[in-house]
Amino acid sequence: MEQVAGSNIVKVGIDLSEFYLSVEWDILAVPATRNEEYYPCCTEPYSGK
């Protein structure tokens, strides 16, 4: 996944390494948003969904 530095936007939100080309359809874009929560118990963020 390619995340834009300083942003929660991910340009390519899925792994396309095993994607097979199709003559029926094309993948034009697969953007995603990374959501992180910080909790008092932990120093690292939790990325849930």
PDB file of N, CA and C in Angstrom:
ATOM      1  N   MET A   1       0.838  -1.181   0.000  1.00  0.00           N
ATOM      2  CA  MET A   1       0.000   0.000   0.000  1.00  0.00           C
ATOM      3  C   MET A   1       0.880   1.241   0.000  1.00  0.00           C
ATOM      4  N   GLU A   2       0.451   2.225  -0.706  1.00  0.00           N
ATOM      5  CA  GLU A   2       1.182   3.480  -0.796  1.00  0.00           C
ATOM      6  C   GLU A   2       0.413   4.564  -0.060  1.00  0.00           C
ATOM      7  N   GLN A   3       0.924   4.961   1.114  1.00  0.00           N
ATOM      8  CA  GLN A   3       0.267   6.006   1.888  1.00  0.00           C
ATOM      9  C   GLN A   3       0.952   7.330   1.628  1.00  0.00           C
ATOM     10  N   VAL A   4       0.166   8.385   1.457  1.00  0.00           N
ATOM     11  CA  VAL A   4       0.703   9.719   1.250  1.00  0.00           C
ATOM     12  C   VAL A   4       1.274  10.208   2.575  1.00  0.00           C
ATOM     13  N   ALA A   5       2.508  10.676   2.582  1.00  0.00           N
ATOM     14  CA  ALA A   5       3.156  11.134   3.814  1.00  0.00           C
ATOM     15  C   ALA A   5       2.371  12.279   4.446  1.00  0.00           C
ATOM     16  N   GLY A   6       2.132  12.182   5.756  1.00  0.00           N
ATOM     17  CA  GLY A   6       1.413  13.219   6.479  1.00  0.00           C
ATOM     18  C   GLY A   6      -0.087  13.205   6.258  1.00  0.00           C
ATOM     19  N   SER A   7      -0.620  12.143   5.700  1.00  0.00           N
ATOM     20  CA  SER A   7      -2.046  12.053   5.399  1.00  0.00           C
ATOM     21  C   SER A   7      -2.549  10.654   5.732  1.00  0.00           C
ATOM     22  N   ASN A   8      -3.857  10.528   5.889  1.00  0.00           N
ATOM     23  CA  ASN A   8      -4.429   9.207   6.123  1.00  0.00           C
ATOM     24  C   ASN A   8      -5.013   8.610   4.841  1.00  0.00           C
ATOM     25  N   ILE A   9      -4.691   9.218   3.699  1.00  0.00           N
ATOM     26  CA  ILE A   9      -5.156   8.728   2.404  1.00  0.00           C
ATOM     27  C   ILE A   9      -4.151   7.723   1.849  1.00  0.00           C
ATOM     28  N   VAL A  10      -4.651   6.582   1.419  1.00  0.00           N
ATOM     29  CA  VAL A  10      -3.826   5.550   0.802  1.00  0.00           C
ATOM     30  C   VAL A  10      -4.239   5.474  -0.662  1.00  0.00           C
ATOM     31  N   LYS A  11      -3.308   5.765  -1.582  1.00  0.00           N
ATOM     32  CA  LYS A  11      -3.646   5.794  -3.016  1.00  0.00           C
ATOM     33  C   LYS A  11      -4.076   4.428  -3.529  1.00  0.00           C
ATOM     34  N   VAL A  12      -3.314   3.399  -3.204  1.00  0.00           N
ATOM     35  CA  VAL A  12      -3.649   2.034  -3.613  1.00  0.00           C
ATOM     36  C   VAL A  12      -3.933   1.255  -2.336  1.00  0.00           C
ATOM     37  N   GLY A  13      -5.213   1.059  -2.017  1.00  0.00           N
ATOM     38  CA  GLY A  13      -5.614   0.488  -0.744  1.00  0.00           C
ATOM     39  C   GLY A  13      -5.673  -1.028  -0.686  1.00  0.00           C
ATOM     40  N   ILE A  14      -5.269  -1.715  -1.752  1.00  0.00           N
ATOM     41  CA  ILE A  14      -5.262  -3.176  -1.743  1.00  0.00           C
ATOM     42  C   ILE A  14      -3.976  -3.687  -2.379  1.00  0.00           C
ATOM     43  N   ASP A  15      -3.673  -4.930  -2.117  1.00  0.00           N
ATOM     44  CA  ASP A  15      -2.496  -5.575  -2.700  1.00  0.00           C
ATOM     45  C   ASP A  15      -2.860  -6.099  -4.086  1.00  0.00           C
ATOM     46  N   LEU A  16      -2.234  -5.553  -5.108  1.00  0.00           N
ATOM     47  CA  LEU A  16      -2.522  -5.965  -6.485  1.00  0.00           C
ATOM     48  C   LEU A  16      -1.461  -6.905  -7.048  1.00  0.00           C
ATOM     49  N   SER A  17      -0.608  -7.457  -6.191  1.00  0.00           N
ATOM     50  CA  SER A  17       0.487  -8.294  -6.677  1.00  0.00           C
ATOM     51  C   SER A  17       0.002  -9.590  -7.336  1.00  0.00           C
ATOM     52  N   GLU A  18      -1.173 -10.086  -6.959  1.00  0.00           N
ATOM     53  CA  GLU A  18      -1.697 -11.315  -7.555  1.00  0.00           C
ATOM     54  C   GLU A  18      -2.916 -11.053  -8.438  1.00  0.00           C
ATOM     55  N   PHE A  19      -3.083  -9.814  -8.845  1.00  0.00           N
ATOM     56  CA  PHE A  19      -4.202  -9.422  -9.694  1.00  0.00           C
ATOM     57  C   PHE A  19      -3.978  -9.924 -11.119  1.00  0.00           C
ATOM     58  N   TYR A  20      -4.998 -10.525 -11.702  1.00  0.00           N
ATOM     59  CA  TYR A  20      -4.948 -10.990 -13.086  1.00  0.00           C
ATOM     60  C   TYR A  20      -5.771 -10.044 -13.956  1.00  0.00           C
ATOM     61  N   LEU A  21      -5.200  -9.613 -15.051  1.00  0.00           N
ATOM     62  CA  LEU A  21      -5.916  -8.734 -15.968  1.00  0.00           C
ATOM     63  C   LEU A  21      -7.148  -9.438 -16.520  1.00  0.00           C
ATOM     64  N   SER A  22      -8.183  -8.663 -16.774  1.00  0.00           N
ATOM     65  CA  SER A  22      -9.429  -9.199 -17.300  1.00  0.00           C
ATOM     66  C   SER A  22      -9.828  -8.408 -18.540  1.00  0.00           C
ATOM     67  N   VAL A  23     -10.383  -9.099 -19.526  1.00  0.00           N
ATOM     68  CA  VAL A  23     -10.886  -8.402 -20.710  1.00  0.00           C
ATOM     69  C   VAL A  23     -12.279  -7.831 -20.455  1.00  0.00           C
ATOM     70  N   GLU A  24     -12.913  -8.220 -19.361  1.00  0.00           N
ATOM     71  CA  GLU A  24     -14.271  -7.791 -19.060  1.00  0.00           C
ATOM     72  C   GLU A  24     -14.332  -6.488 -18.276  1.00  0.00           C
ATOM     73  N   TRP A  25     -13.330  -6.212 -17.449  1.00  0.00           N
ATOM     74  CA  TRP A  25     -13.355  -5.004 -16.631  1.00  0.00           C
ATOM     75  C   TRP A  25     -11.941  -4.579 -16.262  1.00  0.00           C
ATOM     76  N   ASP A  26     -11.815  -3.308 -15.854  1.00  0.00           N
ATOM     77  CA  ASP A  26     -10.542  -2.729 -15.438  1.00  0.00           C
ATOM     78  C   ASP A  26     -10.683  -2.139 -14.040  1.00  0.00           C
ATOM     79  N   ILE A  27      -9.638  -2.241 -13.262  1.00  0.00           N
ATOM     80  CA  ILE A  27      -9.591  -1.550 -11.971  1.00  0.00           C
ATOM     81  C   ILE A  27      -9.024  -0.164 -12.245  1.00  0.00           C
ATOM     82  N   LEU A  28      -9.833   0.868 -12.022  1.00  0.00           N
ATOM     83  CA  LEU A  28      -9.406   2.235 -12.296  1.00  0.00           C
ATOM     84  C   LEU A  28      -8.761   2.887 -11.085  1.00  0.00           C
ATOM     85  N   ALA A  29      -9.309   2.611  -9.898  1.00  0.00           N
ATOM     86  CA  ALA A  29      -8.773   3.209  -8.674  1.00  0.00           C
ATOM     87  C   ALA A  29      -9.224   2.385  -7.481  1.00  0.00           C
ATOM     88  N   VAL A  30      -8.384   2.344  -6.462  1.00  0.00           N
ATOM     89  CA  VAL A  30      -8.730   1.647  -5.221  1.00  0.00           C
ATOM     90  C   VAL A  30      -8.239   2.463  -4.017  1.00  0.00           C
ATOM     91  N   PRO A  31      -8.730   3.698  -3.887  1.00  0.00           N
ATOM     92  CA  PRO A  31      -8.284   4.518  -2.766  1.00  0.00           C
ATOM     93  C   PRO A  31      -8.858   4.002  -1.448  1.00  0.00           C
ATOM     94  N   ALA A  32      -8.176   4.322  -0.371  1.00  0.00           N
ATOM     95  CA  ALA A  32      -8.622   3.926   0.963  1.00  0.00           C
ATOM     96  C   ALA A  32      -8.247   5.020   1.952  1.00  0.00           C
ATOM     97  N   THR A  33      -8.883   4.993   3.110  1.00  0.00           N
ATOM     98  CA  THR A  33      -8.559   5.909   4.197  1.00  0.00           C
ATOM     99  C   THR A  33      -8.113   5.094   5.386  1.00  0.00           C
ATOM    100  N   ARG A  34      -6.947   5.426   5.937  1.00  0.00           N
ATOM    101  CA  ARG A  34      -6.420   4.719   7.104  1.00  0.00           C
ATOM    102  C   ARG A  34      -6.900   5.446   8.354  1.00  0.00           C
ATOM    103  N   ASN A  35      -7.591   4.727   9.229  1.00  0.00           N
ATOM    104  CA  ASN A  35      -8.088   5.278  10.484  1.00  0.00           C
ATOM    105  C   ASN A  35      -7.277   4.724  11.639  1.00  0.00           C
ATOM    106  N   GLU A  36      -6.721   5.607  12.447  1.00  0.00           N
ATOM    107  CA  GLU A  36      -5.922   5.194  13.596  1.00  0.00           C
ATOM    108  C   GLU A  36      -6.495   5.800  14.866  1.00  0.00           C
ATOM    109  N   GLU A  37      -6.501   5.013  15.923  1.00  0.00           N
ATOM    110  CA  GLU A  37      -6.942   5.468  17.238  1.00  0.00           C
ATOM    111  C   GLU A  37      -5.797   5.295  18.221  1.00  0.00           C
ATOM    112  N   TYR A  38      -5.590   6.264  19.080  1.00  0.00           N
ATOM    113  CA  TYR A  38      -4.596   6.159  20.149  1.00  0.00           C
ATOM    114  C   TYR A  38      -5.331   5.923  21.460  1.00  0.00           C
ATOM    115  N   TYR A  39      -4.874   4.944  22.229  1.00  0.00           N
ATOM    116  CA  TYR A  39      -5.468   4.616  23.516  1.00  0.00           C
ATOM    117  C   TYR A  39      -4.456   4.877  24.624  1.00  0.00           C
ATOM    118  N   PRO A  40      -4.932   5.223  25.829  1.00  0.00           N
ATOM    119  CA  PRO A  40      -4.033   5.554  26.936  1.00  0.00           C
ATOM    120  C   PRO A  40      -3.070   4.419  27.301  1.00  0.00           C
ATOM    121  N   CYS A  41      -3.453   3.186  27.043  1.00  0.00           N
ATOM    122  CA  CYS A  41      -2.634   2.040  27.434  1.00  0.00           C
ATOM    123  C   CYS A  41      -1.446   1.790  26.524  1.00  0.00           C
ATOM    124  N   CYS A  42      -1.483   2.340  25.311  1.00  0.00           N
ATOM    125  CA  CYS A  42      -0.498   1.937  24.306  1.00  0.00           C
ATOM    126  C   CYS A  42       0.181   3.144  23.661  1.00  0.00           C
ATOM    127  N   THR A  43       1.434   2.950  23.263  1.00  0.00           N
ATOM    128  CA  THR A  43       2.154   4.030  22.586  1.00  0.00           C
ATOM    129  C   THR A  43       1.950   3.986  21.077  1.00  0.00           C
ATOM    130  N   GLU A  44       1.634   2.824  20.549  1.00  0.00           N
ATOM    131  CA  GLU A  44       1.410   2.659  19.114  1.00  0.00           C
ATOM    132  C   GLU A  44      -0.069   2.869  18.781  1.00  0.00           C
ATOM    133  N   PRO A  45      -0.365   3.421  17.606  1.00  0.00           N
ATOM    134  CA  PRO A  45      -1.770   3.589  17.217  1.00  0.00           C
ATOM    135  C   PRO A  45      -2.407   2.251  16.856  1.00  0.00           C
ATOM    136  N   TYR A  46      -3.720   2.178  17.037  1.00  0.00           N
ATOM    137  CA  TYR A  46      -4.493   1.004  16.645  1.00  0.00           C
ATOM    138  C   TYR A  46      -5.194   1.342  15.339  1.00  0.00           C
ATOM    139  N   SER A  47      -4.973   0.537  14.311  1.00  0.00           N
ATOM    140  CA  SER A  47      -5.615   0.731  13.021  1.00  0.00           C
ATOM    141  C   SER A  47      -6.684  -0.339  12.870  1.00  0.00           C
ATOM    142  N   GLY A  48      -7.926   0.002  13.194  1.00  0.00           N
ATOM    143  CA  GLY A  48      -9.008  -0.973  13.228  1.00  0.00           C
ATOM    144  C   GLY A  48      -9.577  -1.329  11.880  1.00  0.00           C
ATOM    145  N   LYS A  49     -10.195  -0.402  11.206  1.00  0.00           N
ATOM    146  CA  LYS A  49     -10.909  -0.712   9.967  1.00  0.00           C
ATOM    147  C   LYS A  49     -10.251  -0.070   8.792  1.00  0.00           C
TER     148      LYS A  49
END
